[in-house]
Amino acid sequence: MIKSLILTGFGINCEIEMGAAYKNAGAEVTIIHFNELMNGSYNLHDFDILNFPGGFSFGDDIASGK
């Protein structure tokens, strides 16, 4: 089974929708905060796919997240 790692963090959304798409395709999904990856709680080598979701809600130039 393909293992997908989806990163989330402050100002990032759409990780749930991205995870649902991977689950529908038959992948195993893990959603973690970026800090969990940086502090060693997870190892990138345990996953087949690394995802950076879009939908940023902080600091966007057109203010769509406000």
PDB file of N, CA and C in Angstrom:
ATOM      1  N   MET A   1       0.843  -1.185   0.000  1.00  0.00           N
ATOM      2  CA  MET A   1       0.000   0.000   0.000  1.00  0.00           C
ATOM      3  C   MET A   1       0.888   1.248   0.000  1.00  0.00           C
ATOM      4  N   ILE A   2       0.501   2.230  -0.779  1.00  0.00           N
ATOM      5  CA  ILE A   2       1.211   3.506  -0.833  1.00  0.00           C
ATOM      6  C   ILE A   2       0.954   4.277   0.454  1.00  0.00           C
ATOM      7  N   LYS A   3       2.011   4.844   1.030  1.00  0.00           N
ATOM      8  CA  LYS A   3       1.888   5.633   2.254  1.00  0.00           C
ATOM      9  C   LYS A   3       2.126   7.104   1.934  1.00  0.00           C
ATOM     10  N   SER A   4       1.117   7.912   2.224  1.00  0.00           N
ATOM     11  CA  SER A   4       1.158   9.338   1.915  1.00  0.00           C
ATOM     12  C   SER A   4       1.305  10.154   3.194  1.00  0.00           C
ATOM     13  N   LEU A   5       2.269  11.057   3.217  1.00  0.00           N
ATOM     14  CA  LEU A   5       2.456  11.971   4.347  1.00  0.00           C
ATOM     15  C   LEU A   5       2.005  13.359   3.913  1.00  0.00           C
ATOM     16  N   ILE A   6       1.054  13.913   4.651  1.00  0.00           N
ATOM     17  CA  ILE A   6       0.528  15.241   4.351  1.00  0.00           C
ATOM     18  C   ILE A   6       0.916  16.170   5.488  1.00  0.00           C
ATOM     19  N   LEU A   7       1.597  17.261   5.129  1.00  0.00           N
ATOM     20  CA  LEU A   7       2.027  18.228   6.132  1.00  0.00           C
ATOM     21  C   LEU A   7       0.956  19.294   6.329  1.00  0.00           C
ATOM     22  N   THR A   8       0.807  19.712   7.558  1.00  0.00           N
ATOM     23  CA  THR A   8      -0.072  20.825   7.879  1.00  0.00           C
ATOM     24  C   THR A   8       0.676  21.767   8.806  1.00  0.00           C
ATOM     25  N   GLY A   9       0.115  22.929   9.031  1.00  0.00           N
ATOM     26  CA  GLY A   9       0.737  23.924   9.896  1.00  0.00           C
ATOM     27  C   GLY A   9      -0.130  25.157   9.950  1.00  0.00           C
ATOM     28  N   PHE A  10       0.350  26.157  10.631  1.00  0.00           N
ATOM     29  CA  PHE A  10      -0.417  27.388  10.769  1.00  0.00           C
ATOM     30  C   PHE A  10      -0.642  28.020   9.405  1.00  0.00           C
ATOM     31  N   GLY A  11      -1.881  28.313   9.091  1.00  0.00           N
ATOM     32  CA  GLY A  11      -2.210  28.960   7.832  1.00  0.00           C
ATOM     33  C   GLY A  11      -2.412  28.018   6.666  1.00  0.00           C
ATOM     34  N   ILE A  12      -2.217  26.722   6.881  1.00  0.00           N
ATOM     35  CA  ILE A  12      -2.430  25.751   5.803  1.00  0.00           C
ATOM     36  C   ILE A  12      -3.774  25.081   6.044  1.00  0.00           C
ATOM     37  N   ASN A  13      -4.551  24.977   4.984  1.00  0.00           N
ATOM     38  CA  ASN A  13      -5.771  24.190   5.076  1.00  0.00           C
ATOM     39  C   ASN A  13      -5.840  23.286   3.861  1.00  0.00           C
ATOM     40  N   CYS A  14      -6.902  22.566   3.709  1.00  0.00           N
ATOM     41  CA  CYS A  14      -7.118  21.599   2.623  1.00  0.00           C
ATOM     42  C   CYS A  14      -6.402  20.271   2.851  1.00  0.00           C
ATOM     43  N   GLU A  15      -5.787  20.052   4.014  1.00  0.00           N
ATOM     44  CA  GLU A  15      -5.128  18.775   4.250  1.00  0.00           C
ATOM     45  C   GLU A  15      -6.136  17.632   4.374  1.00  0.00           C
ATOM     46  N   ILE A  16      -7.314  17.915   4.914  1.00  0.00           N
ATOM     47  CA  ILE A  16      -8.354  16.884   5.053  1.00  0.00           C
ATOM     48  C   ILE A  16      -8.844  16.446   3.670  1.00  0.00           C
ATOM     49  N   GLU A  17      -9.075  17.416   2.796  1.00  0.00           N
ATOM     50  CA  GLU A  17      -9.529  17.103   1.446  1.00  0.00           C
ATOM     51  C   GLU A  17      -8.468  16.316   0.674  1.00  0.00           C
ATOM     52  N   MET A  18      -7.205  16.702   0.838  1.00  0.00           N
ATOM     53  CA  MET A  18      -6.124  15.988   0.167  1.00  0.00           C
ATOM     54  C   MET A  18      -6.044  14.557   0.693  1.00  0.00           C
ATOM     55  N   GLY A  19      -6.190  14.400   2.003  1.00  0.00           N
ATOM     56  CA  GLY A  19      -6.171  13.065   2.595  1.00  0.00           C
ATOM     57  C   GLY A  19      -7.317  12.201   2.090  1.00  0.00           C
ATOM     58  N   ALA A  20      -8.493  12.793   1.938  1.00  0.00           N
ATOM     59  CA  ALA A  20      -9.650  12.048   1.431  1.00  0.00           C
ATOM     60  C   ALA A  20      -9.396  11.564   0.007  1.00  0.00           C
ATOM     61  N   ALA A  21      -8.764  12.390  -0.801  1.00  0.00           N
ATOM     62  CA  ALA A  21      -8.453  11.988  -2.178  1.00  0.00           C
ATOM     63  C   ALA A  21      -7.502  10.789  -2.190  1.00  0.00           C
ATOM     64  N   TYR A  22      -6.490  10.816  -1.357  1.00  0.00           N
ATOM     65  CA  TYR A  22      -5.559   9.691  -1.299  1.00  0.00           C
ATOM     66  C   TYR A  22      -6.240   8.434  -0.764  1.00  0.00           C
ATOM     67  N   LYS A  23      -7.087   8.581   0.264  1.00  0.00           N
ATOM     68  CA  LYS A  23      -7.811   7.418   0.799  1.00  0.00           C
ATOM     69  C   LYS A  23      -8.715   6.811  -0.260  1.00  0.00           C
ATOM     70  N   ASN A  24      -9.388   7.660  -1.032  1.00  0.00           N
ATOM     71  CA  ASN A  24     -10.252   7.163  -2.106  1.00  0.00           C
ATOM     72  C   ASN A  24      -9.461   6.414  -3.170  1.00  0.00           C
ATOM     73  N   ALA A  25      -8.196   6.760  -3.320  1.00  0.00           N
ATOM     74  CA  ALA A  25      -7.334   6.081  -4.290  1.00  0.00           C
ATOM     75  C   ALA A  25      -6.668   4.840  -3.693  1.00  0.00           C
ATOM     76  N   GLY A  26      -6.920   4.580  -2.406  1.00  0.00           N
ATOM     77  CA  GLY A  26      -6.398   3.376  -1.769  1.00  0.00           C
ATOM     78  C   GLY A  26      -5.112   3.546  -0.992  1.00  0.00           C
ATOM     79  N   ALA A  27      -4.672   4.771  -0.768  1.00  0.00           N
ATOM     80  CA  ALA A  27      -3.426   5.005  -0.036  1.00  0.00           C
ATOM     81  C   ALA A  27      -3.681   5.098   1.471  1.00  0.00           C
ATOM     82  N   GLU A  28      -2.639   4.835   2.233  1.00  0.00           N
ATOM     83  CA  GLU A  28      -2.659   5.063   3.679  1.00  0.00           C
ATOM     84  C   GLU A  28      -2.224   6.507   3.911  1.00  0.00           C
ATOM     85  N   VAL A  29      -2.977   7.252   4.710  1.00  0.00           N
ATOM     86  CA  VAL A  29      -2.742   8.685   4.875  1.00  0.00           C
ATOM     87  C   VAL A  29      -2.333   9.004   6.309  1.00  0.00           C
ATOM     88  N   THR A  30      -1.290   9.808   6.452  1.00  0.00           N
ATOM     89  CA  THR A  30      -0.880  10.351   7.743  1.00  0.00           C
ATOM     90  C   THR A  30      -0.781  11.865   7.592  1.00  0.00           C
ATOM     91  N   ILE A  31      -1.516  12.595   8.447  1.00  0.00           N
ATOM     92  CA  ILE A  31      -1.476  14.056   8.443  1.00  0.00           C
ATOM     93  C   ILE A  31      -0.783  14.500   9.717  1.00  0.00           C
ATOM     94  N   ILE A  32       0.294  15.278   9.559  1.00  0.00           N
ATOM     95  CA  ILE A  32       1.049  15.743  10.729  1.00  0.00           C
ATOM     96  C   ILE A  32       1.360  17.231  10.583  1.00  0.00           C
ATOM     97  N   HIS A  33       1.603  17.856  11.710  1.00  0.00           N
ATOM     98  CA  HIS A  33       2.072  19.239  11.713  1.00  0.00           C
ATOM     99  C   HIS A  33       3.543  19.231  11.301  1.00  0.00           C
ATOM    100  N   PHE A  34       3.936  20.238  10.557  1.00  0.00           N
ATOM    101  CA  PHE A  34       5.316  20.356  10.075  1.00  0.00           C
ATOM    102  C   PHE A  34       6.330  20.182  11.209  1.00  0.00           C
ATOM    103  N   ASN A  35       6.028  20.721  12.387  1.00  0.00           N
ATOM    104  CA  ASN A  35       6.956  20.622  13.525  1.00  0.00           C
ATOM    105  C   ASN A  35       7.205  19.181  13.947  1.00  0.00           C
ATOM    106  N   GLU A  36       6.211  18.299  13.773  1.00  0.00           N
ATOM    107  CA  GLU A  36       6.404  16.892  14.124  1.00  0.00           C
ATOM    108  C   GLU A  36       7.440  16.233  13.219  1.00  0.00           C
ATOM    109  N   LEU A  37       7.501  16.662  11.988  1.00  0.00           N
ATOM    110  CA  LEU A  37       8.524  16.152  11.083  1.00  0.00           C
ATOM    111  C   LEU A  37       9.896  16.697  11.472  1.00  0.00           C
ATOM    112  N   MET A  38       9.942  17.976  11.786  1.00  0.00           N
ATOM    113  CA  MET A  38      11.215  18.611  12.111  1.00  0.00           C
ATOM    114  C   MET A  38      11.802  18.118  13.435  1.00  0.00           C
ATOM    115  N   ASN A  39      10.946  17.754  14.407  1.00  0.00           N
ATOM    116  CA  ASN A  39      11.486  17.300  15.695  1.00  0.00           C
ATOM    117  C   ASN A  39      11.776  15.801  15.733  1.00  0.00           C
ATOM    118  N   GLY A  40      11.581  15.116  14.608  1.00  0.00           N
ATOM    119  CA  GLY A  40      11.952  13.708  14.515  1.00  0.00           C
ATOM    120  C   GLY A  40      10.875  12.725  14.915  1.00  0.00           C
ATOM    121  N   SER A  41       9.653  13.196  15.162  1.00  0.00           N
ATOM    122  CA  SER A  41       8.568  12.290  15.520  1.00  0.00           C
ATOM    123  C   SER A  41       8.209  11.354  14.362  1.00  0.00           C
ATOM    124  N   TYR A  42       8.465  11.784  13.140  1.00  0.00           N
ATOM    125  CA  TYR A  42       8.206  10.993  11.939  1.00  0.00           C
ATOM    126  C   TYR A  42       9.446  11.018  11.060  1.00  0.00           C
ATOM    127  N   ASN A  43       9.615   9.963  10.275  1.00  0.00           N
ATOM    128  CA  ASN A  43      10.751   9.855   9.366  1.00  0.00           C
ATOM    129  C   ASN A  43      10.230   9.872   7.927  1.00  0.00           C
ATOM    130  N   LEU A  44      10.738  10.778   7.117  1.00  0.00           N
ATOM    131  CA  LEU A  44      10.314  10.872   5.715  1.00  0.00           C
ATOM    132  C   LEU A  44      10.489   9.559   4.960  1.00  0.00           C
ATOM    133  N   HIS A  45      11.478   8.790   5.322  1.00  0.00           N
ATOM    134  CA  HIS A  45      11.774   7.551   4.609  1.00  0.00           C
ATOM    135  C   HIS A  45      10.736   6.458   4.857  1.00  0.00           C
ATOM    136  N   ASP A  46       9.812   6.693   5.783  1.00  0.00           N
ATOM    137  CA  ASP A  46       8.734   5.736   6.040  1.00  0.00           C
ATOM    138  C   ASP A  46       7.553   5.938   5.098  1.00  0.00           C
ATOM    139  N   PHE A  47       7.621   6.949   4.228  1.00  0.00           N
ATOM    140  CA  PHE A  47       6.508   7.308   3.353  1.00  0.00           C
ATOM    141  C   PHE A  47       6.938   7.281   1.895  1.00  0.00           C
ATOM    142  N   ASP A  48       5.950   7.080   1.024  1.00  0.00           N
ATOM    143  CA  ASP A  48       6.201   7.054  -0.416  1.00  0.00           C
ATOM    144  C   ASP A  48       5.963   8.408  -1.066  1.00  0.00           C
ATOM    145  N   ILE A  49       5.064   9.201  -0.491  1.00  0.00           N
ATOM    146  CA  ILE A  49       4.671  10.486  -1.064  1.00  0.00           C
ATOM    147  C   ILE A  49       4.690  11.545   0.030  1.00  0.00           C
ATOM    148  N   LEU A  50       5.251  12.710  -0.272  1.00  0.00           N
ATOM    149  CA  LEU A  50       5.221  13.862   0.630  1.00  0.00           C
ATOM    150  C   LEU A  50       4.367  14.949  -0.014  1.00  0.00           C
ATOM    151  N   ASN A  51       3.386  15.446   0.726  1.00  0.00           N
ATOM    152  CA  ASN A  51       2.432  16.414   0.189  1.00  0.00           C
ATOM    153  C   ASN A  51       2.483  17.735   0.944  1.00  0.00           C
ATOM    154  N   PHE A  52       2.450  18.816   0.189  1.00  0.00           N
ATOM    155  CA  PHE A  52       2.349  20.158   0.734  1.00  0.00           C
ATOM    156  C   PHE A  52       1.020  20.742   0.258  1.00  0.00           C
ATOM    157  N   PRO A  53      -0.026  20.682   1.083  1.00  0.00           N
ATOM    158  CA  PRO A  53      -1.326  21.173   0.624  1.00  0.00           C
ATOM    159  C   PRO A  53      -1.325  22.681   0.392  1.00  0.00           C
ATOM    160  N   GLY A  54      -2.213  23.102  -0.467  1.00  0.00           N
ATOM    161  CA  GLY A  54      -2.389  24.529  -0.734  1.00  0.00           C
ATOM    162  C   GLY A  54      -3.488  25.086   0.145  1.00  0.00           C
ATOM    163  N   GLY A  55      -4.114  26.140  -0.315  1.00  0.00           N
ATOM    164  CA  GLY A  55      -5.191  26.734   0.459  1.00  0.00           C
ATOM    165  C   GLY A  55      -4.690  27.549   1.623  1.00  0.00           C
ATOM    166  N   PHE A  56      -3.598  28.245   1.447  1.00  0.00           N
ATOM    167  CA  PHE A  56      -3.016  29.008   2.551  1.00  0.00           C
ATOM    168  C   PHE A  56      -3.963  30.131   2.978  1.00  0.00           C
ATOM    169  N   SER A  57      -4.187  30.247   4.267  1.00  0.00           N
ATOM    170  CA  SER A  57      -5.153  31.240   4.751  1.00  0.00           C
ATOM    171  C   SER A  57      -4.506  32.419   5.460  1.00  0.00           C
ATOM    172  N   PHE A  58      -3.191  32.404   5.637  1.00  0.00           N
ATOM    173  CA  PHE A  58      -2.495  33.522   6.286  1.00  0.00           C
ATOM    174  C   PHE A  58      -1.603  34.218   5.260  1.00  0.00           C
ATOM    175  N   GLY A  59      -1.581  35.520   5.265  1.00  0.00           N
ATOM    176  CA  GLY A  59      -0.612  36.285   4.508  1.00  0.00           C
ATOM    177  C   GLY A  59      -0.703  36.188   3.009  1.00  0.00           C
ATOM    178  N   ASP A  60      -1.877  35.881   2.493  1.00  0.00           N
ATOM    179  CA  ASP A  60      -1.982  35.820   1.038  1.00  0.00           C
ATOM    180  C   ASP A  60      -2.169  37.236   0.480  1.00  0.00           C
ATOM    181  N   ASP A  61      -1.669  37.435  -0.710  1.00  0.00           N
ATOM    182  CA  ASP A  61      -1.668  38.770  -1.303  1.00  0.00           C
ATOM    183  C   ASP A  61      -3.051  39.285  -1.672  1.00  0.00           C
ATOM    184  N   ILE A  62      -3.966  38.376  -1.981  1.00  0.00           N
ATOM    185  CA  ILE A  62      -5.298  38.850  -2.382  1.00  0.00           C
ATOM    186  C   ILE A  62      -6.299  38.815  -1.227  1.00  0.00           C
ATOM    187  N   ALA A  63      -5.853  38.433  -0.045  1.00  0.00           N
ATOM    188  CA  ALA A  63      -6.643  38.441   1.192  1.00  0.00           C
ATOM    189  C   ALA A  63      -7.829  37.495   1.151  1.00  0.00           C
ATOM    190  N   SER A  64      -7.720  36.409   0.407  1.00  0.00           N
ATOM    191  CA  SER A  64      -8.839  35.471   0.350  1.00  0.00           C
ATOM    192  C   SER A  64      -9.035  34.705   1.655  1.00  0.00           C
ATOM    193  N   GLY A  65      -8.021  34.636   2.493  1.00  0.00           N
ATOM    194  CA  GLY A  65      -8.141  33.918   3.766  1.00  0.00           C
ATOM    195  C   GLY A  65      -8.700  34.753   4.901  1.00  0.00           C
ATOM    196  N   LYS A  66      -9.028  36.014   4.629  1.00  0.00           N
ATOM    197  CA  LYS A  66      -9.525  36.891   5.687  1.00  0.00           C
ATOM    198  C   LYS A  66     -11.025  36.847   5.792  1.00  0.00           C
TER     199      LYS A  66
END
